[in-house]
Every structure is written in structure tokens, then in C-alpha cells.
Protein backbone atom coordinates (compact mmCIF):
# COMPACT_ATOMS: atom_id res chain seq x y z
CA MET A 1 13.98 3.28 -15.51
CA ASN A 2 12.58 -0.05 -14.32
CA TYR A 3 8.94 0.14 -13.17
CA LYS A 4 8.16 -3.51 -12.55
CA HIS A 5 7.52 -2.95 -8.84
CA MET A 6 6.19 0.55 -9.20
CA PHE A 7 2.62 -0.10 -8.19
CA LEU A 8 2.41 -2.62 -5.49
CA LEU A 9 -1.09 -3.79 -2.21
CA PRO A 10 -2.17 -3.56 2.06
CA LEU A 11 -4.82 -3.38 5.42
CA ILE A 12 -4.44 0.02 7.34
CA ALA A 13 -6.03 2.29 9.86
CA ILE A 14 -7.83 4.52 7.36
CA PHE A 15 -9.31 7.94 7.89
CA ALA A 16 -12.94 9.01 7.87
CA ILE A 17 -14.63 9.00 4.48
CA ARG A 18 -16.84 11.94 3.65
CA SER A 19 -20.41 11.06 2.88
CA ASP A 20 -20.68 13.62 0.06
CA GLU A 21 -21.09 12.76 -3.61
CA SER A 22 -17.42 13.20 -4.58
CA ALA A 23 -16.25 10.70 -1.98
CA ALA A 24 -18.99 8.24 -2.87
CA SER A 25 -18.00 8.42 -6.53
CA LEU A 26 -14.58 7.03 -5.62
CA LEU A 27 -16.10 3.67 -4.76
CA MET A 28 -16.27 2.19 -8.23
CA ASP A 29 -16.86 -1.45 -7.28
CA GLU A 30 -20.59 -2.12 -7.85
CA ASN A 31 -20.79 -4.80 -5.16
CA ILE A 32 -19.37 -2.38 -2.59
CA LYS A 33 -21.80 0.34 -3.71
CA VAL A 34 -24.76 -2.03 -3.28
CA LYS A 35 -23.64 -3.21 0.13
CA SER A 36 -22.94 0.36 1.26
CA SER A 37 -26.51 1.27 0.34
CA GLN A 38 -27.79 -1.75 2.27
CA ALA A 39 -25.82 -0.70 5.35
CA GLN A 40 -27.19 2.85 5.13
CA LYS A 41 -30.78 1.62 4.84
CA LEU A 42 -30.31 -0.78 7.74
CA VAL A 43 -29.06 2.04 9.99
CA ASN A 44 -31.89 4.39 9.04
CA ASP A 45 -34.46 1.62 9.61
CA ALA A 46 -32.85 0.80 12.97
CA ILE A 47 -33.07 4.41 14.14
CA ASP A 48 -36.74 4.55 13.15
CA TYR A 49 -37.31 1.31 15.07
CA ILE A 50 -35.56 2.63 18.20
CA LYS A 51 -37.64 5.79 18.16
CA LYS A 52 -40.83 3.72 18.25
CA GLN A 53 -39.80 1.84 21.40
CA LYS A 54 -41.41 2.96 24.66
CA ASP A 55 -38.83 1.35 26.93
CA GLY A 56 -35.70 3.04 25.64
CA ILE A 57 -32.85 1.37 23.82
CA ALA A 58 -32.86 -1.98 25.67
CA PRO A 59 -35.53 -3.84 23.64
CA ALA A 60 -34.05 -2.56 20.39
CA CYS A 61 -30.57 -3.85 21.30
CA LYS A 62 -32.06 -7.23 22.20
CA THR A 63 -33.86 -7.36 18.86
CA PHE A 64 -30.83 -6.31 16.80
CA MET A 65 -28.74 -9.07 18.40
CA SER A 66 -31.25 -11.89 17.92
CA ASP A 67 -33.64 -11.12 15.07
CA PRO A 68 -32.22 -12.23 11.66
CA ARG A 69 -34.34 -9.58 9.95
CA TRP A 70 -31.76 -7.04 11.10
CA ARG A 71 -29.02 -8.76 9.16
CA LYS A 72 -28.13 -8.62 5.46
CA GLY A 73 -25.35 -11.12 4.76
CA GLU A 74 -22.34 -9.90 6.75
CA ILE A 75 -24.06 -6.54 7.44
CA PHE A 76 -25.81 -6.12 10.80
CA VAL A 77 -26.78 -3.32 13.18
CA TRP A 78 -24.55 -2.38 16.10
CA ILE A 79 -24.61 0.41 18.70
CA PHE A 80 -21.96 2.27 20.71
CA ASP A 81 -22.50 5.21 23.00
CA SER A 82 -20.45 8.35 22.32
CA GLU A 83 -17.91 7.32 24.96
CA GLY A 84 -17.16 4.08 23.13
CA ASN A 85 -19.14 1.58 25.23
CA CYS A 86 -20.64 -1.26 23.18
CA TYR A 87 -24.40 -1.85 23.61
CA CYS A 88 -24.88 -4.47 20.92
CA ARG A 89 -22.68 -6.08 18.28
CA GLY A 90 -24.53 -9.00 16.66
CA PHE A 91 -23.33 -12.36 17.97
CA GLU A 92 -20.11 -10.79 19.33
CA LYS A 93 -21.41 -10.83 22.89
CA GLU A 94 -17.92 -10.55 24.36
CA CYS A 95 -17.92 -6.93 23.11
CA LEU A 96 -20.86 -5.92 25.31
CA TRP A 97 -20.04 -3.15 27.79
CA LYS A 98 -16.43 -3.01 26.64
CA ASN A 99 -15.13 0.47 25.94
CA PHE A 100 -13.52 0.99 22.52
CA GLY A 101 -12.92 4.74 22.82
CA ASN A 102 -9.55 6.50 22.83
CA LYS A 103 -7.79 3.65 21.02
CA LYS A 104 -4.11 4.31 20.56
CA GLY A 105 -3.31 5.24 16.96
CA ASP A 106 -6.93 5.35 15.79
CA ASP A 107 -9.81 6.62 17.89
CA PHE A 108 -12.41 5.23 15.51
CA ILE A 109 -15.24 5.96 17.96
CA LYS A 110 -14.43 9.67 17.69
CA ARG A 111 -14.30 9.39 13.90
CA MET A 112 -17.64 7.57 13.92
CA GLU A 113 -19.20 10.26 16.08
CA ASP A 114 -17.93 12.99 13.76
CA ALA A 115 -19.22 11.22 10.63
CA GLY A 116 -22.48 10.33 12.38
CA LYS A 117 -23.51 13.95 12.93
CA LYS A 118 -24.84 14.10 9.38
CA GLY A 119 -24.68 10.40 8.59
CA GLY A 120 -21.64 9.09 6.75
CA PHE A 121 -19.14 6.30 6.18
CA VAL A 122 -16.09 5.42 8.24
CA ASP A 123 -13.44 2.74 7.68
CA TYR A 124 -11.91 1.10 10.74
CA LYS A 125 -10.06 -2.06 11.69
CA TRP A 126 -12.11 -4.83 13.25
CA ASN A 127 -11.42 -8.56 13.68
CA SER A 128 -8.19 -8.37 11.68
CA GLY A 129 -10.08 -6.88 8.74
CA TYR A 130 -11.22 -3.45 7.62
CA SER A 131 -14.88 -2.58 7.88
CA ARG A 132 -16.64 0.18 5.94
CA ALA A 133 -19.56 1.26 8.11
CA TYR A 134 -22.40 3.71 7.70
CA VAL A 135 -22.96 5.54 10.99
CA LYS A 136 -25.53 7.96 12.33
CA ASN A 137 -25.89 9.61 15.73
CA MET A 138 -29.06 9.71 17.80
CA LYS A 139 -29.95 10.96 21.27
CA ILE A 140 -32.05 9.01 23.77
CA GLY A 141 -32.77 10.99 26.92
CA GLN A 142 -29.51 12.67 27.87
CA LYS A 143 -27.28 10.07 26.25
CA ASN A 144 -25.75 10.13 22.75
CA PHE A 145 -25.46 6.95 20.69
CA ILE A 146 -23.83 5.90 17.42
CA VAL A 147 -25.87 3.45 15.34
CA GLY A 148 -23.98 1.70 12.58
CA ALA A 149 -23.84 -1.19 10.15
CA GLY A 150 -20.91 -2.19 8.00
CA LEU A 151 -19.38 -4.48 5.43
CA TYR A 152 -15.88 -5.82 4.79
CA PRO A 153 -14.96 -4.63 1.27
CA ILE A 154 -12.14 -6.36 -0.60
CA SER A 155 -11.34 -5.01 -4.07
CA SER A 156 -8.24 -3.61 -5.77
CA VAL A 157 -10.28 -0.73 -7.17
CA TYR A 158 -11.71 0.03 -3.73
CA ILE A 159 -8.28 -0.06 -2.09
CA VAL A 160 -6.73 2.25 -4.70
CA ARG A 161 -9.52 4.80 -4.55
CA GLU A 162 -9.70 4.56 -0.76
CA LEU A 163 -5.96 5.21 -0.35
CA ILE A 164 -6.23 8.24 -2.63
CA SER A 165 -9.25 9.54 -0.70
CA SER A 166 -7.54 8.91 2.64
CA ALA A 167 -4.43 10.84 1.55
CA VAL A 168 -6.57 13.80 0.47
CA GLU A 169 -8.30 13.83 3.86
CA TYR A 170 -4.95 13.43 5.65
CA LEU A 171 -3.53 16.47 3.84
CA LYS A 172 -6.47 18.57 5.05
CA LYS A 173 -5.74 17.63 8.66
CA THR A 174 -1.93 17.82 8.67
CA SER A 175 0.60 19.21 6.19
CA PHE A 176 2.11 18.36 2.83
CA VAL A 177 5.46 17.60 4.47
CA GLU A 178 3.88 15.10 6.84
CA LEU A 179 1.89 13.51 3.99
CA LYS A 180 5.11 12.95 2.02
CA GLU A 181 6.72 11.30 5.04
CA ARG A 182 3.71 9.04 5.57
CA ILE A 183 3.55 8.00 1.91
CA SER A 184 7.27 7.14 1.91
CA ASN A 185 6.94 4.64 4.76
CA PRO A 186 6.84 1.14 3.12
CA THR A 187 5.09 -0.32 6.16
CA GLY A 188 2.98 2.71 7.02
CA ILE A 189 -0.65 3.69 6.80
CA PHE A 190 -0.66 4.23 3.03
CA VAL A 191 0.45 0.72 2.11
CA ARG A 192 -1.71 -2.37 1.68
CA GLY A 193 0.26 -5.37 0.56
CA ASP A 194 1.56 -4.35 -2.86
CA ILE A 195 -0.66 -1.31 -3.40
CA HIS A 196 0.88 1.98 -2.28
CA LEU A 197 0.87 5.70 -2.98
CA GLU A 198 3.33 7.74 -5.02
CA LEU A 199 3.63 11.51 -5.41
CA TYR A 200 5.11 13.48 -8.33
CA ALA A 201 5.79 17.16 -8.93
CA PHE A 202 4.47 18.40 -12.27
CA ASP A 203 8.03 18.44 -13.67
CA GLY A 204 8.17 14.64 -13.18
CA THR A 205 10.23 14.55 -9.98
CA CYS A 206 9.24 11.81 -7.54
CA VAL A 207 8.77 13.43 -4.13
CA ALA A 208 7.31 10.42 -2.24
CA HIS A 209 7.10 6.69 -2.92
CA GLY A 210 5.62 3.93 -0.80
CA GLU A 211 7.74 1.09 -2.19
CA GLN A 212 10.92 2.24 -3.95
CA LEU A 213 12.51 4.86 -1.73
CA ALA A 214 15.50 5.09 -4.10
CA LEU A 215 13.23 6.79 -6.70
CA ILE A 216 12.56 9.77 -4.43
CA GLY A 217 14.29 12.84 -5.85
CA GLN A 218 14.66 11.37 -9.34
CA ASN A 219 13.01 12.99 -12.36
CA LEU A 220 11.01 10.28 -14.16
CA ILE A 221 9.25 12.41 -16.76
CA ASP A 222 10.74 10.38 -19.64
CA ALA A 223 10.24 6.90 -18.14
CA VAL A 224 8.73 4.55 -20.74
CA THR A 225 6.51 1.52 -20.15
CA ALA A 226 6.58 -1.81 -21.99
CA ASP A 227 3.90 -0.53 -24.37
CA ASN A 228 5.92 2.62 -25.12
CA LYS A 229 3.89 5.04 -23.02
CA PHE A 230 5.43 7.95 -21.13
CA LEU A 231 3.82 6.93 -17.87
CA ILE A 232 4.64 9.82 -15.53
CA ARG A 233 4.26 12.40 -18.30
CA ASP A 234 0.78 11.05 -19.14
CA LEU A 235 -0.31 10.89 -15.50
CA ILE A 236 0.73 14.48 -14.92
CA GLU A 237 -1.26 15.56 -17.99
CA ILE A 238 -4.37 13.83 -16.60
CA ALA A 239 -3.89 15.59 -13.26
CA LYS A 240 -3.37 18.95 -14.99
CA ASN A 241 -6.25 18.77 -17.45
CA LYS A 242 -8.85 16.57 -15.76
CA GLY A 243 -7.99 16.67 -12.08
CA GLU A 244 -8.20 12.89 -11.76
CA GLY A 245 -8.63 9.71 -13.80
CA TRP A 246 -7.66 6.10 -14.51
CA TYR A 247 -4.75 5.12 -16.79
CA ASP A 248 -3.92 1.68 -18.25
CA PHE A 249 -0.46 0.52 -19.30
CA ARG A 250 1.81 -2.51 -19.32
CA GLY A 251 4.64 -2.86 -16.82
CA GLN A 252 8.14 -3.69 -17.95
CA SER A 253 8.41 -7.04 -16.17
CA GLY A 254 6.54 -9.72 -18.04
CA ASN A 255 4.57 -7.11 -19.97
CA GLU A 256 1.88 -7.35 -17.26
CA PRO A 257 -1.21 -5.09 -17.60
CA ALA A 258 -1.64 -2.50 -14.87
CA ARG A 259 -4.08 0.25 -13.89
CA VAL A 260 -3.32 3.42 -11.97
CA PHE A 261 -5.45 6.23 -10.63
CA VAL A 262 -4.06 9.75 -10.49
CA LYS A 263 -5.45 12.78 -8.66
CA LYS A 264 -4.23 16.34 -8.51
CA ILE A 265 -3.48 17.68 -5.02
CA VAL A 266 -2.08 21.04 -3.97
CA ASP A 267 0.38 21.88 -1.21
CA PRO A 268 -1.59 24.49 0.80
CA ALA A 269 1.67 26.13 1.94
CA ASP A 270 2.74 27.30 -1.54
CA ASN A 271 -0.14 26.24 -3.84
CA LYS A 272 2.22 23.99 -5.81
CA PRO A 273 0.37 21.15 -7.62
CA TYR A 274 1.30 17.45 -7.51
CA ALA A 275 0.09 14.18 -9.02
CA LEU A 276 -0.97 11.62 -6.39
CA VAL A 277 -0.77 8.13 -7.89
CA CYS A 278 -1.88 4.63 -6.86
CA GLY A 279 -2.41 1.44 -8.87
CA TYR A 280 -2.25 -2.32 -9.24
CA TYR A 281 -1.52 -5.12 -11.69
CA THR A 282 -4.81 -6.41 -13.05
CA GLU A 283 -4.02 -10.01 -13.99
CA ILE A 284 -1.73 -11.34 -11.25
CA ASN A 285 -3.29 -14.50 -9.83
CA ASP A 286 -2.58 -18.07 -8.65
CA LYS A 287 -1.75 -19.19 -12.16
CA THR A 288 0.83 -16.41 -12.58
CA VAL A 289 2.60 -17.40 -9.38
CA MET A 290 2.51 -21.16 -9.95
CA SER A 291 3.73 -20.95 -13.55
CA LEU A 292 6.61 -18.68 -12.49
CA VAL A 293 7.70 -21.18 -9.82
CA LYS A 294 7.41 -24.11 -12.27
CA GLU A 295 9.56 -22.26 -14.80
CA ALA A 296 12.16 -21.41 -12.14
CA SER A 297 12.24 -25.02 -10.89
CA ASN A 298 12.89 -26.32 -14.40
CA PHE A 299 15.57 -23.68 -14.94
CA LEU A 300 17.36 -24.71 -11.73
CA LYS A 301 17.28 -28.38 -12.70
CA ALA A 302 18.62 -27.63 -16.18
CA ASN A 303 21.31 -25.08 -15.29
CA GLY A 304 22.42 -25.73 -11.69
CA ARG A 305 22.46 -23.46 -8.70
CA GLU A 306 25.20 -21.01 -9.70
CA ILE A 307 23.60 -19.91 -12.95
CA ALA A 308 20.02 -20.18 -11.67
CA PHE A 309 20.52 -18.22 -8.47
CA ARG A 310 22.33 -15.47 -10.35
CA GLU A 311 19.39 -15.17 -12.74
CA PHE A 312 16.81 -15.31 -9.94
CA SER A 313 18.62 -12.56 -8.01
CA THR A 314 18.58 -10.06 -10.89
CA GLN A 315 15.73 -8.20 -12.53
CA ASN A 316 15.56 -10.85 -15.25
CA GLU A 317 12.23 -10.34 -17.00
CA LYS A 318 11.89 -14.11 -17.40
CA PHE A 319 11.56 -14.55 -13.64
CA VAL A 320 9.59 -11.44 -12.70
CA LYS A 321 5.92 -10.91 -13.57
CA GLY A 322 4.58 -7.52 -12.54
CA ASN A 323 5.20 -7.40 -8.82
CA VAL A 324 5.86 -11.15 -8.47
CA ASN A 325 9.42 -12.46 -8.27
CA ILE A 326 11.26 -15.69 -7.46
CA PHE A 327 12.87 -16.34 -4.08
CA VAL A 328 14.83 -19.42 -2.97
CA TYR A 329 15.65 -20.85 0.46
CA ASP A 330 18.08 -23.61 1.31
CA MET A 331 16.75 -26.22 3.71
CA LYS A 332 18.16 -24.41 6.75
CA GLY A 333 16.25 -21.21 6.04
CA THR A 334 18.98 -19.18 4.40
CA MET A 335 17.83 -16.99 1.52
CA VAL A 336 19.99 -17.85 -1.49
CA ALA A 337 18.18 -15.85 -4.21
CA ASP A 338 15.69 -12.96 -4.26
CA SER A 339 15.58 -10.18 -6.84
CA LYS A 340 13.12 -8.02 -4.90
CA ASN A 341 15.06 -8.14 -1.61
CA PRO A 342 18.75 -8.66 -2.53
CA ALA A 343 19.82 -7.52 0.95
CA PHE A 344 18.31 -10.75 2.34
CA VAL A 345 20.47 -13.03 0.17
CA GLY A 346 22.92 -14.92 2.38
CA LEU A 347 20.92 -14.31 5.57
CA ASN A 348 19.31 -17.05 7.60
CA LEU A 349 15.67 -16.00 8.06
CA VAL A 350 14.41 -18.99 10.01
CA ASN A 351 13.56 -16.79 13.02
CA THR A 352 11.95 -13.97 11.03
CA ARG A 353 8.29 -13.44 11.89
CA ASP A 354 5.45 -11.78 10.03
CA SER A 355 3.31 -9.02 11.53
CA GLU A 356 1.10 -11.58 13.33
CA GLY A 357 4.01 -13.55 14.79
CA ARG A 358 4.25 -16.42 12.29
CA PHE A 359 7.72 -17.72 11.39
CA VAL A 360 7.73 -17.10 7.64
CA ALA A 361 10.67 -19.26 6.54
CA ARG A 362 9.78 -22.05 9.00
CA GLN A 363 6.27 -22.24 7.59
CA ILE A 364 7.62 -22.51 4.06
CA LEU A 365 10.19 -25.17 4.98
CA ASP A 366 7.69 -27.20 7.02
CA MET A 367 5.19 -27.18 4.17
CA ALA A 368 7.85 -28.14 1.60
CA ASN A 369 9.26 -30.96 3.73
CA THR A 370 5.79 -32.34 4.48
CA TYR A 371 4.04 -31.98 1.13
CA GLY A 372 6.74 -31.13 -1.40
CA LYS A 373 4.74 -28.18 -2.71
CA GLY A 374 1.86 -25.96 -1.65
CA TRP A 375 0.67 -22.56 -0.45
CA VAL A 376 1.64 -20.61 2.67
CA THR A 377 -0.07 -17.45 3.97
CA ASN A 378 1.58 -14.63 5.93
CA ALA A 379 0.59 -11.19 7.19
CA LEU A 380 2.81 -8.58 5.53
CA SER A 381 2.54 -4.88 4.64
CA ASN A 382 -0.85 -4.46 6.30
CA SER A 383 -2.33 -7.30 4.22
CA TYR A 384 -2.13 -11.05 3.62
CA GLN A 385 0.41 -12.48 1.20
CA VAL A 386 0.20 -16.01 -0.20
CA ALA A 387 3.27 -17.83 -1.51
CA TYR A 388 3.38 -20.92 -3.70
CA CYS A 389 6.51 -22.98 -3.04
CA GLU A 390 8.08 -26.20 -4.35
CA LYS A 391 10.92 -28.30 -2.99
CA VAL A 392 13.50 -28.97 -5.69
CA LYS A 393 16.24 -31.61 -5.53
CA VAL A 394 19.33 -31.01 -7.70
CA PRO A 395 22.84 -32.54 -7.55
CA ASP A 396 24.21 -29.56 -5.63
CA GLY A 397 21.51 -29.48 -2.94
CA ASP A 398 17.85 -29.31 -1.95
CA PHE A 399 16.08 -25.97 -2.15
CA VAL A 400 12.63 -24.41 -1.84
CA ILE A 401 11.65 -22.15 -4.72
CA GLY A 402 8.72 -19.79 -4.23
CA ALA A 403 6.85 -16.75 -5.49
CA ALA A 404 4.18 -14.70 -3.71
CA TYR A 405 1.42 -12.19 -4.29
CA PHE A 406 -1.37 -10.41 -2.40
CA PRO A 407 -4.76 -11.81 -3.50
CA VAL A 408 -7.56 -9.24 -3.40
CA SER A 409 -10.82 -11.15 -3.21
CA LYS A 410 -12.82 -12.82 -0.48
CA GLU A 411 -12.74 -16.05 -2.47
CA SER A 412 -8.93 -16.07 -2.31
CA TYR A 413 -8.87 -15.12 1.36
CA VAL A 414 -11.28 -17.93 2.24
CA ARG A 415 -9.43 -20.51 0.19
CA PHE A 416 -6.00 -19.74 1.61
CA MET A 417 -7.26 -19.37 5.18
CA LEU A 418 -8.88 -22.79 4.88
CA GLU A 419 -5.66 -24.33 3.55
CA ASP A 420 -3.86 -22.88 6.58
CA ALA A 421 -6.51 -24.27 8.91
CA VAL A 422 -6.34 -27.75 7.39
CA LEU A 423 -2.55 -27.81 7.78
CA TYR A 424 -2.81 -26.59 11.37
CA LEU A 425 -5.41 -29.19 12.31
CA GLN A 426 -3.38 -31.96 10.68
CA HIS A 427 -0.31 -31.12 12.76
CA HIS A 428 -1.85 -30.12 16.11
CA PRO A 429 -4.20 -31.72 18.63
CA LEU A 430 -7.90 -31.22 17.97
CA GLU A 431 -8.55 -29.16 21.10
CA GLU A 432 -5.55 -26.88 20.48
CA SER A 433 -6.71 -26.30 16.91
CA LEU A 434 -10.29 -25.52 17.92
CA LEU A 435 -9.08 -23.01 20.49
CA LYS A 436 -7.01 -21.37 17.77
CA PHE A 437 -9.97 -21.18 15.38
CA ILE A 438 -12.31 -19.50 17.90
CA SER A 439 -9.77 -16.96 19.14
CA LYS A 440 -9.81 -13.36 17.89
CA ASP A 441 -6.02 -13.33 17.81
CA GLY A 442 -5.58 -16.91 16.58
CA GLY A 443 -4.85 -15.87 12.99
CA PHE A 444 -8.01 -17.44 11.55
CA LEU A 445 -10.34 -14.45 11.65
CA ARG A 446 -10.35 -11.76 8.95
CA GLY A 447 -13.33 -9.44 9.02
CA ASP A 448 -16.43 -11.53 8.34
CA MET A 449 -14.43 -14.62 7.35
CA ASN A 450 -13.57 -17.33 9.86
CA ILE A 451 -13.03 -21.09 10.20
CA PHE A 452 -15.78 -23.53 11.19
CA VAL A 453 -15.42 -27.19 12.16
CA TYR A 454 -18.14 -29.87 12.22
CA THR A 455 -18.23 -33.54 13.04
CA MET A 456 -19.58 -35.83 10.34
CA ASP A 457 -22.88 -36.06 12.19
CA GLY A 458 -23.49 -32.30 12.15
CA ILE A 459 -22.20 -31.18 15.56
CA CYS A 460 -20.52 -27.77 15.47
CA LEU A 461 -17.16 -27.67 17.28
CA ALA A 462 -16.10 -24.20 16.17
CA ASP A 463 -17.48 -21.29 14.17
CA GLY A 464 -15.06 -18.43 14.54
CA ILE A 465 -15.92 -16.14 17.44
CA ASN A 466 -19.59 -17.19 17.39
CA LEU A 467 -19.29 -19.25 20.56
CA ASP A 468 -23.06 -19.81 20.79
CA LYS A 469 -22.79 -22.21 17.85
CA ILE A 470 -20.50 -24.66 19.63
CA TRP A 471 -22.16 -28.05 20.40
CA SER A 472 -25.23 -27.21 18.35
CA ASN A 473 -26.55 -29.94 16.04
CA ASP A 474 -27.22 -28.21 12.74
CA LEU A 475 -28.46 -31.15 10.68
CA GLY A 476 -31.92 -29.59 10.55
CA VAL A 477 -30.78 -26.09 9.58
CA LYS A 478 -32.11 -25.00 6.18
CA ASP A 479 -31.29 -22.04 3.99
CA ALA A 480 -33.90 -19.69 2.51
CA ASP A 481 -34.54 -22.16 -0.32
CA GLY A 482 -35.21 -25.04 2.06
CA VAL A 483 -31.84 -26.73 1.42
CA LYS A 484 -30.37 -28.55 4.42
CA VAL A 485 -27.05 -26.75 4.78
CA ILE A 486 -25.07 -29.30 6.79
CA ASP A 487 -26.35 -32.22 4.71
CA ARG A 488 -24.93 -30.60 1.58
CA ILE A 489 -21.67 -29.70 3.33
CA ILE A 490 -21.23 -33.30 4.53
CA ALA A 491 -21.99 -34.67 1.06
CA VAL A 492 -19.48 -32.37 -0.67
CA SER A 493 -16.86 -33.03 2.01
CA LYS A 494 -17.10 -36.79 1.47
CA THR A 495 -16.32 -36.36 -2.22
CA GLY A 496 -13.11 -34.40 -1.61
CA GLY A 497 -14.47 -31.00 -0.65
CA GLY A 498 -15.21 -27.89 -2.67
CA TRP A 499 -17.41 -24.79 -2.97
CA LEU A 500 -21.10 -24.57 -2.08
CA LYS A 501 -23.58 -21.72 -2.21
CA PHE A 502 -26.49 -21.01 0.19
CA ASP A 503 -29.09 -18.27 0.74
CA LEU A 504 -28.46 -17.31 4.37
CA ASN A 505 -29.14 -14.19 6.47
CA GLN A 506 -30.83 -12.49 3.50
CA GLY A 507 -27.63 -12.86 1.49
CA VAL A 508 -25.80 -15.34 -0.71
CA CYS A 509 -23.07 -17.20 1.16
CA ASN A 510 -20.23 -19.02 -0.64
CA VAL A 511 -18.71 -21.80 1.48
CA TYR A 512 -15.51 -23.78 0.89
CA VAL A 513 -15.08 -27.09 2.78
CA LYS A 514 -12.58 -29.93 3.18
CA THR A 515 -12.20 -32.94 5.47
CA VAL A 516 -9.39 -33.76 7.88
CA ASP A 517 -8.69 -37.18 9.42
CA LYS A 518 -7.46 -37.23 13.02
CA SER A 519 -6.17 -40.27 14.88
CA THR A 520 -7.60 -40.93 18.34
CA LYS A 521 -5.75 -42.33 21.33
CA ASP A 522 -7.17 -45.80 20.69
CA ASN A 523 -5.80 -45.74 17.10
CA LYS A 524 -9.14 -45.02 15.48
CA THR A 525 -9.68 -42.32 12.89
CA GLU A 526 -12.19 -39.50 13.22
CA MET A 527 -13.12 -37.32 10.27
CA TYR A 528 -13.90 -33.62 10.66
CA ILE A 529 -15.27 -31.03 8.26
CA VAL A 530 -13.30 -27.79 8.10
CA GLY A 531 -14.68 -24.83 6.19
CA SER A 532 -14.87 -21.10 5.67
CA GLY A 533 -17.06 -18.75 3.66
CA TYR A 534 -18.08 -15.24 2.72
CA PHE A 535 -21.17 -13.34 1.60
CA GLU A 536 -21.31 -12.18 -2.01
């Protein structure tokens, strides 16, 4: 049995996380643990502060929105009432007095209120990202409020453990039958990019699978990995004897290292036990994708389209690494090779859009025609996928060869979002681009990460949805160490761009910047600084 795509990764509407010790132990990423503790302390301190105010909640809300002492990196205090009305939300002033209750598909206000009775964590979608917030309820007069503070965690370990925890909670609220159906939806709530859930009976039969539906009903007890491990057999033994645990192995395709987490769950209807499984490949990165595309390009040039496309469209280990495979478009947008999605071969996909409305094939072709090679980002499977593509000229035609993966780090998200922003600004008018960058639905906002634009003399033209920053001259702004932030950004931009690090908002901020030249109507050239960043 071929397991190269078995454990694949996404952004979902998740369910409430219990605040007890067992749930907290699932969050193995140390950075997320630290930030979760910071959010909890900030909320408790905020409640104490509110209680000391003589004039009700108003002065506290004003303070939380303006005083930087109530911010820790991307973490800040916010307040909703129990009906979902927003009283304060940092610099997001457009949220004030809006009602966020009774949202279709995910009433996160209700989940916050439930978790806030004792104080606990809730995950919910916000600004095209997923926030993990600590929430606690308090009563002022006759009115009930939810005080919270959250972070935007990005980590493969976090996603795996969170999906497992969410499925356990989902089973408590619904039924085993419904859980199986949810898990087996490749675009559903238990999928994030190429990380998904799988479910096995203790005899090895696959009863639910979030990526390969054809495996459902098959008995995989004797399936062997590249390093000669009986994967499903071993996972079931962990579930039987330990209840839960991590397991390392190597996938068949490219001998790529992978990690999975397994947890025993029980169908409450008949007390039958199952192994709930979720995992990821540990070493898939930019280099993996680029080297695979380079190898495929050379193979096409050496062997011609007939042989190359046949090899690319099969599960040839040479052209598949873990969950990364080769795909090929002709210059009209027709898919001519793809081992992961063979049903697409022969179809023209030029009008196919991603989940945020982008034309996937058009983006790839435009990039290839303009630059010859580069990266393209799309929203797929509740996450963001990045594809590296190269235009290849051979005697029997021009083609675009690509491979894609789902990066799971804020550094990757920032870098690829900035590349998208630079390309957009280069090919669109300045004003249209700036409007795109400051819009919540413009495609350039993901949790606490956004695009900012400065002139070379320090004037801010855009900073995500922080509209108060526009037109401010930030040349005099210093970080906690006394470093002039914009001066350093300008200096690095002039030398080709790159990463910088600052101590801002009681946190360490990593910033990535580049410059873009724009022609004016009088044939002059203006240079702009485009950047993005995240808090460590």
C-alpha cells in the first residue's frame, strides 16, 4: 500500500479547547505555551484593572485600546459583551459596536462565553487566521462581558494536536457516525492544508480518511513504511497500551521523515475502540520543492514531453517527496501532468479559483511569463499553499513545471505574502494596491501578519488594517533599544531588502522588507518600501 500522501496540512473553524491539564498538555510547542501564559496573565490583569475603575468599563476600554502596556507582541486585551457586541479590539476600531454573535457555522461568542465561565482557551477564525484566545467572563452592573487576549499560533505540532483535541470534543457533542463523515471530507473542518485526520478500527480497517477516500474500508494492518515499520499495526498498539503517543517513520515517497500522533477514542454507542491519527512530514521545505522542480525540468529537457509527462503523472518516487509532487501546465492553462490529481490531466484550469477567489493557473502562468520562475501563493484546504514554478522551453513546446507545499511557520507566511504583495504592486496602480493591502478581504491579511508600505522618506501609506498609521511620519519612531525603526528599514531596503529584528510592543518583531519602483505619469520613478512581519 502506498502511503506517500497519507499524512497531509489546513485553517478551520475549531471547537472550544478545555482549559484543564489534559488539554493544555496537547500544546507541545514551547513558544505557544509561553504566549498562551502571557495571554492568560494579560486577561487576569485586565479584569483586576477593570474592577478598580470607579466609572465602569469605559475608561478601561479606552486604556486597553491606547496604552501599549496592555500589549505583548501580537497579544492584546479585547472585550465583547455576552451578546457579541465589541467594546474594544486594539487598533481595530472598525470593530467597535459591531455584533459578532450568532455567526453562521461558528458562534464563537457563545463558545467564548462557555469557556469564560471558569476561564479557558478558545480557537476561532479572525482576520483570515486562527486565533487562540484565553477568555474569562465578568459582570459589571447587570451586564455580562467576555474579556480576552489571544495569539495566532502556527506550528505543525500545534495543528496536529489541536485537530486531535477538536475531534475528541466533537465526538462528545455529536456522534461517532457524524465524526467519521466530518473526518472524511477533504475540504472540511478537520483538514488544514496537508494535515488531516484518519481513523482506524483496532483490526486495521480504515473507517475514515481526510485525504485518500479510496482507503476507507480497506484493512491496512500489514502496510509497511520505507523503513520497514508496520505503521498501522504500531499505531494501534500505542492506542491500546498507552492511550496516545507520537510515532516517527519514513514515508514511501522519497524516504521522507514523518511524525504522527495517535489517540484512542471510543464509540459511545457500542464502546468499540478506534485509533485516531494525525501527522505531518517533518522536513518538507522550500529546498525540497525547488530541487524537485529543478530535477523535473532537467528530466523534461533530456527526455521530451511524452516520456516526462508519463513519469510525472505516475507515483514515481523520483518525482514525489512526501506529500510534494510535480504538476505541469501548458501555456494555455491545461494541466498536462499531475500524479496527485490525475483527474485534472487534460483539463483547462485557467478559470479555476482558490478559496479566496484567486485564479490559480492564471497566477502561475503570469508569474512564469513575466519572471521565468518564482513562487505563487494560493488559499487551499483551509490553509495557504505555496508553489515554486519554472517555465521550460523544449522542442515540443513551452511548459510550466511546478511543485507545492503548505509552509507552517510565520516566517514562511510573511515571506510569501510579501512576494505576492511586491508582484501585485509591480503590476497594479499604487492606489489600487494600497487599497488592497489595507482591506480585510484583500488577501494580504493573515492573523497578525499584514503588508505595510512606506515612502523612502518615512511616510506610511499602508499598514494592514491599522488605518491610523496612514500618513504618519515614522522617522523618529524607536524600538525599546532606542533603534530608529524606519531608518534601519530604509537602509536595508536600499541594499536589496531582507530581514530585520526590533523590540516592539514588549515583544520581538521580525520584519522582512523589499523595495518596488513605480513609474509616475511624468516618467519619473518613485521607490517604495514594502514589508511584512511577525512577533516571535
